Amino acid sequence: MRGAPFKLLKGKAASLMLLVASDLEPADAVEGRRWQGCINPKRLEELLKEFSNVFEAPRGLPPARASDHNIELQPGARAVRLRPA
């Protein structure tokens, strides 16, 4: 995809996807399915071992930060209903 032109449209969200592939056709990159069966299981296993800490279950809450996430509500505001009652 080197040198592929793209536009940013005013008022629209834009996404950029970087693909490192040699045998993909443009339709494969868009659809993103045919290549999924081409993953080398041995290489996948090596990557899973190399980055095993990424796939570990969390052992607790994340550490406290200087500024924790906080959503301030208006006084007297009621909870939003997610499903009809």
PDB file of N, CA and C in Angstrom:
ATOM      1  N   MET A   1       0.822  -1.188   0.000  1.00  0.00           N
ATOM      2  CA  MET A   1       0.000   0.000   0.000  1.00  0.00           C
ATOM      3  C   MET A   1       0.865   1.251   0.000  1.00  0.00           C
ATOM      4  N   ARG A   2       2.123   1.105  -0.263  1.00  0.00           N
ATOM      5  CA  ARG A   2       3.022   2.243  -0.278  1.00  0.00           C
ATOM      6  C   ARG A   2       2.570   3.241  -1.333  1.00  0.00           C
ATOM      7  N   GLY A   3       2.504   4.500  -0.953  1.00  0.00           N
ATOM      8  CA  GLY A   3       2.157   5.546  -1.892  1.00  0.00           C
ATOM      9  C   GLY A   3       0.689   5.607  -2.252  1.00  0.00           C
ATOM     10  N   ALA A   4      -0.164   4.862  -1.565  1.00  0.00           N
ATOM     11  CA  ALA A   4      -1.593   4.900  -1.874  1.00  0.00           C
ATOM     12  C   ALA A   4      -2.167   6.242  -1.436  1.00  0.00           C
ATOM     13  N   PRO A   5      -2.870   6.930  -2.332  1.00  0.00           N
ATOM     14  CA  PRO A   5      -3.436   8.227  -1.964  1.00  0.00           C
ATOM     15  C   PRO A   5      -4.649   8.056  -1.052  1.00  0.00           C
ATOM     16  N   PHE A   6      -4.881   9.026  -0.186  1.00  0.00           N
ATOM     17  CA  PHE A   6      -6.082   9.017   0.640  1.00  0.00           C
ATOM     18  C   PHE A   6      -6.490  10.454   0.914  1.00  0.00           C
ATOM     19  N   LYS A   7      -7.758  10.645   1.242  1.00  0.00           N
ATOM     20  CA  LYS A   7      -8.284  11.976   1.525  1.00  0.00           C
ATOM     21  C   LYS A   7      -8.855  11.999   2.929  1.00  0.00           C
ATOM     22  N   LEU A   8      -8.755  13.129   3.580  1.00  0.00           N
ATOM     23  CA  LEU A   8      -9.452  13.344   4.833  1.00  0.00           C
ATOM     24  C   LEU A   8     -10.615  14.274   4.521  1.00  0.00           C
ATOM     25  N   LEU A   9     -11.809  13.816   4.757  1.00  0.00           N
ATOM     26  CA  LEU A   9     -12.989  14.598   4.441  1.00  0.00           C
ATOM     27  C   LEU A   9     -13.399  15.417   5.650  1.00  0.00           C
ATOM     28  N   LYS A  10     -13.713  16.680   5.422  1.00  0.00           N
ATOM     29  CA  LYS A  10     -14.102  17.568   6.510  1.00  0.00           C
ATOM     30  C   LYS A  10     -15.349  17.018   7.198  1.00  0.00           C
ATOM     31  N   GLY A  11     -15.286  16.911   8.523  1.00  0.00           N
ATOM     32  CA  GLY A  11     -16.430  16.452   9.292  1.00  0.00           C
ATOM     33  C   GLY A  11     -16.610  14.947   9.312  1.00  0.00           C
ATOM     34  N   LYS A  12     -15.712  14.208   8.741  1.00  0.00           N
ATOM     35  CA  LYS A  12     -15.819  12.750   8.703  1.00  0.00           C
ATOM     36  C   LYS A  12     -14.665  12.138   9.492  1.00  0.00           C
ATOM     37  N   ALA A  13     -14.934  11.011  10.110  1.00  0.00           N
ATOM     38  CA  ALA A  13     -13.866  10.288  10.801  1.00  0.00           C
ATOM     39  C   ALA A  13     -13.020   9.563   9.763  1.00  0.00           C
ATOM     40  N   ALA A  14     -11.753   9.466  10.019  1.00  0.00           N
ATOM     41  CA  ALA A  14     -10.864   8.786   9.075  1.00  0.00           C
ATOM     42  C   ALA A  14     -10.099   7.695   9.804  1.00  0.00           C
ATOM     43  N   SER A  15      -9.917   6.581   9.143  1.00  0.00           N
ATOM     44  CA  SER A  15      -9.135   5.477   9.698  1.00  0.00           C
ATOM     45  C   SER A  15      -8.014   5.162   8.728  1.00  0.00           C
ATOM     46  N   LEU A  16      -6.888   4.777   9.260  1.00  0.00           N
ATOM     47  CA  LEU A  16      -5.755   4.397   8.429  1.00  0.00           C
ATOM     48  C   LEU A  16      -5.285   3.029   8.894  1.00  0.00           C
ATOM     49  N   MET A  17      -5.209   2.097   7.976  1.00  0.00           N
ATOM     50  CA  MET A  17      -4.799   0.742   8.308  1.00  0.00           C
ATOM     51  C   MET A  17      -3.516   0.445   7.545  1.00  0.00           C
ATOM     52  N   LEU A  18      -2.507   0.003   8.249  1.00  0.00           N
ATOM     53  CA  LEU A  18      -1.240  -0.346   7.626  1.00  0.00           C
ATOM     54  C   LEU A  18      -1.188  -1.854   7.462  1.00  0.00           C
ATOM     55  N   LEU A  19      -1.009  -2.286   6.243  1.00  0.00           N
ATOM     56  CA  LEU A  19      -0.914  -3.716   5.961  1.00  0.00           C
ATOM     57  C   LEU A  19       0.498  -4.050   5.525  1.00  0.00           C
ATOM     58  N   VAL A  20       1.030  -5.109   6.077  1.00  0.00           N
ATOM     59  CA  VAL A  20       2.317  -5.614   5.628  1.00  0.00           C
ATOM     60  C   VAL A  20       2.021  -6.977   5.029  1.00  0.00           C
ATOM     61  N   ALA A  21       1.918  -6.995   3.723  1.00  0.00           N
ATOM     62  CA  ALA A  21       1.545  -8.228   3.035  1.00  0.00           C
ATOM     63  C   ALA A  21       2.169  -8.219   1.655  1.00  0.00           C
ATOM     64  N   SER A  22       2.384  -9.405   1.128  1.00  0.00           N
ATOM     65  CA  SER A  22       2.974  -9.473  -0.200  1.00  0.00           C
ATOM     66  C   SER A  22       2.023 -10.060  -1.230  1.00  0.00           C
ATOM     67  N   ASP A  23       1.167 -11.002  -0.841  1.00  0.00           N
ATOM     68  CA  ASP A  23       0.348 -11.704  -1.819  1.00  0.00           C
ATOM     69  C   ASP A  23      -1.136 -11.361  -1.739  1.00  0.00           C
ATOM     70  N   LEU A  24      -1.483 -10.242  -1.159  1.00  0.00           N
ATOM     71  CA  LEU A  24      -2.894  -9.881  -1.050  1.00  0.00           C
ATOM     72  C   LEU A  24      -3.327  -9.052  -2.250  1.00  0.00           C
ATOM     73  N   GLU A  25      -4.495  -9.348  -2.732  1.00  0.00           N
ATOM     74  CA  GLU A  25      -5.118  -8.520  -3.755  1.00  0.00           C
ATOM     75  C   GLU A  25      -5.843  -7.382  -3.037  1.00  0.00           C
ATOM     76  N   PRO A  26      -6.137  -6.266  -3.720  1.00  0.00           N
ATOM     77  CA  PRO A  26      -6.854  -5.168  -3.061  1.00  0.00           C
ATOM     78  C   PRO A  26      -8.160  -5.610  -2.406  1.00  0.00           C
ATOM     79  N   ALA A  27      -8.896  -6.517  -3.030  1.00  0.00           N
ATOM     80  CA  ALA A  27     -10.165  -6.979  -2.457  1.00  0.00           C
ATOM     81  C   ALA A  27      -9.930  -7.739  -1.156  1.00  0.00           C
ATOM     82  N   ASP A  28      -8.823  -8.482  -1.053  1.00  0.00           N
ATOM     83  CA  ASP A  28      -8.521  -9.215   0.171  1.00  0.00           C
ATOM     84  C   ASP A  28      -8.247  -8.259   1.325  1.00  0.00           C
ATOM     85  N   ALA A  29      -7.547  -7.168   1.039  1.00  0.00           N
ATOM     86  CA  ALA A  29      -7.237  -6.207   2.090  1.00  0.00           C
ATOM     87  C   ALA A  29      -8.505  -5.560   2.611  1.00  0.00           C
ATOM     88  N   VAL A  30      -9.458  -5.309   1.732  1.00  0.00           N
ATOM     89  CA  VAL A  30     -10.717  -4.690   2.145  1.00  0.00           C
ATOM     90  C   VAL A  30     -11.587  -5.699   2.863  1.00  0.00           C
ATOM     91  N   GLU A  31     -11.763  -6.876   2.284  1.00  0.00           N
ATOM     92  CA  GLU A  31     -12.637  -7.869   2.891  1.00  0.00           C
ATOM     93  C   GLU A  31     -11.988  -8.491   4.120  1.00  0.00           C
ATOM     94  N   GLY A  32     -10.679  -8.720   4.069  1.00  0.00           N
ATOM     95  CA  GLY A  32      -9.950  -9.205   5.222  1.00  0.00           C
ATOM     96  C   GLY A  32     -10.269 -10.619   5.635  1.00  0.00           C
ATOM     97  N   ARG A  33     -10.536 -11.510   4.693  1.00  0.00           N
ATOM     98  CA  ARG A  33     -10.887 -12.867   5.089  1.00  0.00           C
ATOM     99  C   ARG A  33      -9.976 -13.938   4.496  1.00  0.00           C
ATOM    100  N   ARG A  34      -9.665 -13.862   3.222  1.00  0.00           N
ATOM    101  CA  ARG A  34      -8.937 -14.957   2.588  1.00  0.00           C
ATOM    102  C   ARG A  34      -7.597 -15.217   3.266  1.00  0.00           C
ATOM    103  N   TRP A  35      -6.910 -14.170   3.673  1.00  0.00           N
ATOM    104  CA  TRP A  35      -5.582 -14.308   4.256  1.00  0.00           C
ATOM    105  C   TRP A  35      -5.606 -14.932   5.636  1.00  0.00           C
ATOM    106  N   GLN A  36      -6.753 -14.966   6.316  1.00  0.00           N
ATOM    107  CA  GLN A  36      -6.798 -15.450   7.689  1.00  0.00           C
ATOM    108  C   GLN A  36      -6.420 -16.921   7.797  1.00  0.00           C
ATOM    109  N   GLY A  37      -6.618 -17.703   6.761  1.00  0.00           N
ATOM    110  CA  GLY A  37      -6.243 -19.106   6.791  1.00  0.00           C
ATOM    111  C   GLY A  37      -4.776 -19.340   6.489  1.00  0.00           C
ATOM    112  N   CYS A  38      -4.021 -18.291   6.202  1.00  0.00           N
ATOM    113  CA  CYS A  38      -2.624 -18.423   5.802  1.00  0.00           C
ATOM    114  C   CYS A  38      -1.651 -18.214   6.958  1.00  0.00           C
ATOM    115  N   ILE A  39      -2.131 -18.167   8.179  1.00  0.00           N
ATOM    116  CA  ILE A  39      -1.258 -17.926   9.320  1.00  0.00           C
ATOM    117  C   ILE A  39      -0.486 -19.201   9.635  1.00  0.00           C
ATOM    118  N   ASN A  40       0.804 -19.067   9.790  1.00  0.00           N
ATOM    119  CA  ASN A  40       1.668 -20.191  10.112  1.00  0.00           C
ATOM    120  C   ASN A  40       1.484 -20.537  11.590  1.00  0.00           C
ATOM    121  N   PRO A  41       0.937 -21.721  11.915  1.00  0.00           N
ATOM    122  CA  PRO A  41       0.685 -22.077  13.317  1.00  0.00           C
ATOM    123  C   PRO A  41       1.945 -22.060  14.185  1.00  0.00           C
ATOM    124  N   LYS A  42       3.080 -22.473  13.625  1.00  0.00           N
ATOM    125  CA  LYS A  42       4.322 -22.471  14.400  1.00  0.00           C
ATOM    126  C   LYS A  42       4.729 -21.042  14.752  1.00  0.00           C
ATOM    127  N   ARG A  43       4.635 -20.145  13.776  1.00  0.00           N
ATOM    128  CA  ARG A  43       4.987 -18.736  14.025  1.00  0.00           C
ATOM    129  C   ARG A  43       4.012 -18.119  15.024  1.00  0.00           C
ATOM    130  N   LEU A  44       2.739 -18.467  14.920  1.00  0.00           N
ATOM    131  CA  LEU A  44       1.743 -17.954  15.857  1.00  0.00           C
ATOM    132  C   LEU A  44       2.072 -18.403  17.277  1.00  0.00           C
ATOM    133  N   GLU A  45       2.455 -19.668  17.433  1.00  0.00           N
ATOM    134  CA  GLU A  45       2.822 -20.191  18.753  1.00  0.00           C
ATOM    135  C   GLU A  45       4.041 -19.454  19.308  1.00  0.00           C
ATOM    136  N   GLU A  46       5.018 -19.172  18.443  1.00  0.00           N
ATOM    137  CA  GLU A  46       6.204 -18.424  18.869  1.00  0.00           C
ATOM    138  C   GLU A  46       5.823 -17.032  19.361  1.00  0.00           C
ATOM    139  N   LEU A  47       4.942 -16.370  18.632  1.00  0.00           N
ATOM    140  CA  LEU A  47       4.507 -15.030  19.034  1.00  0.00           C
ATOM    141  C   LEU A  47       3.743 -15.059  20.355  1.00  0.00           C
ATOM    142  N   LEU A  48       2.891 -16.066  20.527  1.00  0.00           N
ATOM    143  CA  LEU A  48       2.143 -16.182  21.779  1.00  0.00           C
ATOM    144  C   LEU A  48       3.080 -16.392  22.964  1.00  0.00           C
ATOM    145  N   LYS A  49       4.146 -17.164  22.766  1.00  0.00           N
ATOM    146  CA  LYS A  49       5.124 -17.363  23.841  1.00  0.00           C
ATOM    147  C   LYS A  49       5.916 -16.086  24.097  1.00  0.00           C
ATOM    148  N   GLU A  50       6.337 -15.427  23.014  1.00  0.00           N
ATOM    149  CA  GLU A  50       7.151 -14.218  23.146  1.00  0.00           C
ATOM    150  C   GLU A  50       6.399 -13.112  23.881  1.00  0.00           C
ATOM    151  N   PHE A  51       5.110 -12.998  23.632  1.00  0.00           N
ATOM    152  CA  PHE A  51       4.311 -11.938  24.240  1.00  0.00           C
ATOM    153  C   PHE A  51       3.295 -12.506  25.231  1.00  0.00           C
ATOM    154  N   SER A  52       3.672 -13.563  25.936  1.00  0.00           N
ATOM    155  CA  SER A  52       2.738 -14.231  26.850  1.00  0.00           C
ATOM    156  C   SER A  52       2.212 -13.299  27.933  1.00  0.00           C
ATOM    157  N   ASN A  53       3.027 -12.330  28.362  1.00  0.00           N
ATOM    158  CA  ASN A  53       2.557 -11.410  29.404  1.00  0.00           C
ATOM    159  C   ASN A  53       1.369 -10.571  28.939  1.00  0.00           C
ATOM    160  N   VAL A  54       1.253 -10.347  27.652  1.00  0.00           N
ATOM    161  CA  VAL A  54       0.127  -9.574  27.122  1.00  0.00           C
ATOM    162  C   VAL A  54      -1.177 -10.353  27.272  1.00  0.00           C
ATOM    163  N   PHE A  55      -1.095 -11.671  27.206  1.00  0.00           N
ATOM    164  CA  PHE A  55      -2.290 -12.505  27.222  1.00  0.00           C
ATOM    165  C   PHE A  55      -2.632 -13.048  28.608  1.00  0.00           C
ATOM    166  N   GLU A  56      -1.865 -12.670  29.628  1.00  0.00           N
ATOM    167  CA  GLU A  56      -2.163 -13.118  30.987  1.00  0.00           C
ATOM    168  C   GLU A  56      -3.420 -12.423  31.506  1.00  0.00           C
ATOM    169  N   ALA A  57      -4.169 -13.141  32.344  1.00  0.00           N
ATOM    170  CA  ALA A  57      -5.340 -12.538  32.985  1.00  0.00           C
ATOM    171  C   ALA A  57      -4.854 -11.505  34.005  1.00  0.00           C
ATOM    172  N   PRO A  58      -5.562 -10.389  34.142  1.00  0.00           N
ATOM    173  CA  PRO A  58      -5.142  -9.387  35.127  1.00  0.00           C
ATOM    174  C   PRO A  58      -5.175  -9.966  36.539  1.00  0.00           C
ATOM    175  N   ARG A  59      -4.246  -9.542  37.367  1.00  0.00           N
ATOM    176  CA  ARG A  59      -4.169 -10.038  38.745  1.00  0.00           C
ATOM    177  C   ARG A  59      -4.869  -9.105  39.723  1.00  0.00           C
ATOM    178  N   GLY A  60      -5.342  -7.993  39.263  1.00  0.00           N
ATOM    179  CA  GLY A  60      -6.007  -7.030  40.138  1.00  0.00           C
ATOM    180  C   GLY A  60      -6.341  -5.771  39.359  1.00  0.00           C
ATOM    181  N   LEU A  61      -6.712  -4.744  40.079  1.00  0.00           N
ATOM    182  CA  LEU A  61      -7.037  -3.471  39.447  1.00  0.00           C
ATOM    183  C   LEU A  61      -5.756  -2.768  39.010  1.00  0.00           C
ATOM    184  N   PRO A  62      -5.856  -1.901  38.020  1.00  0.00           N
ATOM    185  CA  PRO A  62      -4.669  -1.147  37.616  1.00  0.00           C
ATOM    186  C   PRO A  62      -4.248  -0.199  38.743  1.00  0.00           C
ATOM    187  N   PRO A  63      -3.001   0.239  38.749  1.00  0.00           N
ATOM    188  CA  PRO A  63      -2.539   1.140  39.810  1.00  0.00           C
ATOM    189  C   PRO A  63      -3.273   2.477  39.764  1.00  0.00           C
ATOM    190  N   ALA A  64      -3.368   3.125  40.922  1.00  0.00           N
ATOM    191  CA  ALA A  64      -4.005   4.445  40.987  1.00  0.00           C
ATOM    192  C   ALA A  64      -3.175   5.436  40.175  1.00  0.00           C
ATOM    193  N   ARG A  65      -3.846   6.318  39.509  1.00  0.00           N
ATOM    194  CA  ARG A  65      -3.180   7.318  38.685  1.00  0.00           C
ATOM    195  C   ARG A  65      -3.409   8.704  39.293  1.00  0.00           C
ATOM    196  N   ALA A  66      -2.664   9.673  38.819  1.00  0.00           N
ATOM    197  CA  ALA A  66      -2.829  11.040  39.315  1.00  0.00           C
ATOM    198  C   ALA A  66      -4.233  11.552  39.031  1.00  0.00           C
ATOM    199  N   SER A  67      -4.807  11.107  37.918  1.00  0.00           N
ATOM    200  CA  SER A  67      -6.153  11.542  37.555  1.00  0.00           C
ATOM    201  C   SER A  67      -6.939  10.324  37.101  1.00  0.00           C
ATOM    202  N   ASP A  68      -7.811   9.810  37.968  1.00  0.00           N
ATOM    203  CA  ASP A  68      -8.646   8.676  37.599  1.00  0.00           C
ATOM    204  C   ASP A  68      -9.796   9.148  36.722  1.00  0.00           C
ATOM    205  N   HIS A  69     -10.329   8.240  35.930  1.00  0.00           N
ATOM    206  CA  HIS A  69     -11.447   8.559  35.045  1.00  0.00           C
ATOM    207  C   HIS A  69     -12.649   8.963  35.890  1.00  0.00           C
ATOM    208  N   ASN A  70     -13.283  10.036  35.516  1.00  0.00           N
ATOM    209  CA  ASN A  70     -14.395  10.546  36.296  1.00  0.00           C
ATOM    210  C   ASN A  70     -15.408  11.183  35.359  1.00  0.00           C
ATOM    211  N   ILE A  71     -16.660  10.813  35.496  1.00  0.00           N
ATOM    212  CA  ILE A  71     -17.735  11.440  34.729  1.00  0.00           C
ATOM    213  C   ILE A  71     -18.606  12.201  35.712  1.00  0.00           C
ATOM    214  N   GLU A  72     -18.629  13.506  35.570  1.00  0.00           N
ATOM    215  CA  GLU A  72     -19.439  14.321  36.470  1.00  0.00           C
ATOM    216  C   GLU A  72     -20.867  14.366  35.949  1.00  0.00           C
ATOM    217  N   LEU A  73     -21.803  14.056  36.828  1.00  0.00           N
ATOM    218  CA  LEU A  73     -23.216  14.088  36.473  1.00  0.00           C
ATOM    219  C   LEU A  73     -23.840  15.377  36.964  1.00  0.00           C
ATOM    220  N   GLN A  74     -24.898  15.778  36.288  1.00  0.00           N
ATOM    221  CA  GLN A  74     -25.632  16.949  36.748  1.00  0.00           C
ATOM    222  C   GLN A  74     -26.380  16.579  38.020  1.00  0.00           C
ATOM    223  N   PRO A  75     -26.476  17.498  38.974  1.00  0.00           N
ATOM    224  CA  PRO A  75     -27.214  17.201  40.204  1.00  0.00           C
ATOM    225  C   PRO A  75     -28.658  16.810  39.889  1.00  0.00           C
ATOM    226  N   GLY A  76     -29.117  15.718  40.472  1.00  0.00           N
ATOM    227  CA  GLY A  76     -30.493  15.264  40.277  1.00  0.00           C
ATOM    228  C   GLY A  76     -30.723  14.487  38.993  1.00  0.00           C
ATOM    229  N   ALA A  77     -29.682  14.238  38.218  1.00  0.00           N
ATOM    230  CA  ALA A  77     -29.847  13.506  36.955  1.00  0.00           C
ATOM    231  C   ALA A  77     -30.194  12.055  37.248  1.00  0.00           C
ATOM    232  N   ARG A  78     -31.096  11.490  36.433  1.00  0.00           N
ATOM    233  CA  ARG A  78     -31.479  10.087  36.599  1.00  0.00           C
ATOM    234  C   ARG A  78     -30.650   9.213  35.661  1.00  0.00           C
ATOM    235  N   ALA A  79     -30.538   7.952  36.018  1.00  0.00           N
ATOM    236  CA  ALA A  79     -29.778   7.006  35.196  1.00  0.00           C
ATOM    237  C   ALA A  79     -30.457   6.821  33.842  1.00  0.00           C
ATOM    238  N   VAL A  80     -29.667   6.601  32.823  1.00  0.00           N
ATOM    239  CA  VAL A  80     -30.189   6.361  31.485  1.00  0.00           C
ATOM    240  C   VAL A  80     -30.702   4.932  31.429  1.00  0.00           C
ATOM    241  N   ARG A  81     -31.861   4.739  30.834  1.00  0.00           N
ATOM    242  CA  ARG A  81     -32.399   3.385  30.678  1.00  0.00           C
ATOM    243  C   ARG A  81     -31.778   2.755  29.439  1.00  0.00           C
ATOM    244  N   LEU A  82     -31.232   1.579  29.616  1.00  0.00           N
ATOM    245  CA  LEU A  82     -30.602   0.901  28.493  1.00  0.00           C
ATOM    246  C   LEU A  82     -31.585   0.043  27.715  1.00  0.00           C
ATOM    247  N   ARG A  83     -32.612  -0.488  28.395  1.00  0.00           N
ATOM    248  CA  ARG A  83     -33.622  -1.321  27.746  1.00  0.00           C
ATOM    249  C   ARG A  83     -35.002  -0.819  28.143  1.00  0.00           C
ATOM    250  N   PRO A  84     -35.979  -1.051  27.294  1.00  0.00           N
ATOM    251  CA  PRO A  84     -37.334  -0.655  27.692  1.00  0.00           C
ATOM    252  C   PRO A  84     -37.762  -1.424  28.936  1.00  0.00           C
ATOM    253  N   ALA A  85     -38.492  -0.754  29.805  1.00  0.00           N
ATOM    254  CA  ALA A  85     -38.936  -1.386  31.065  1.00  0.00           C
ATOM    255  C   ALA A  85     -40.071  -2.358  30.829  1.00  0.00           C
TER     256      ALA A  85
END
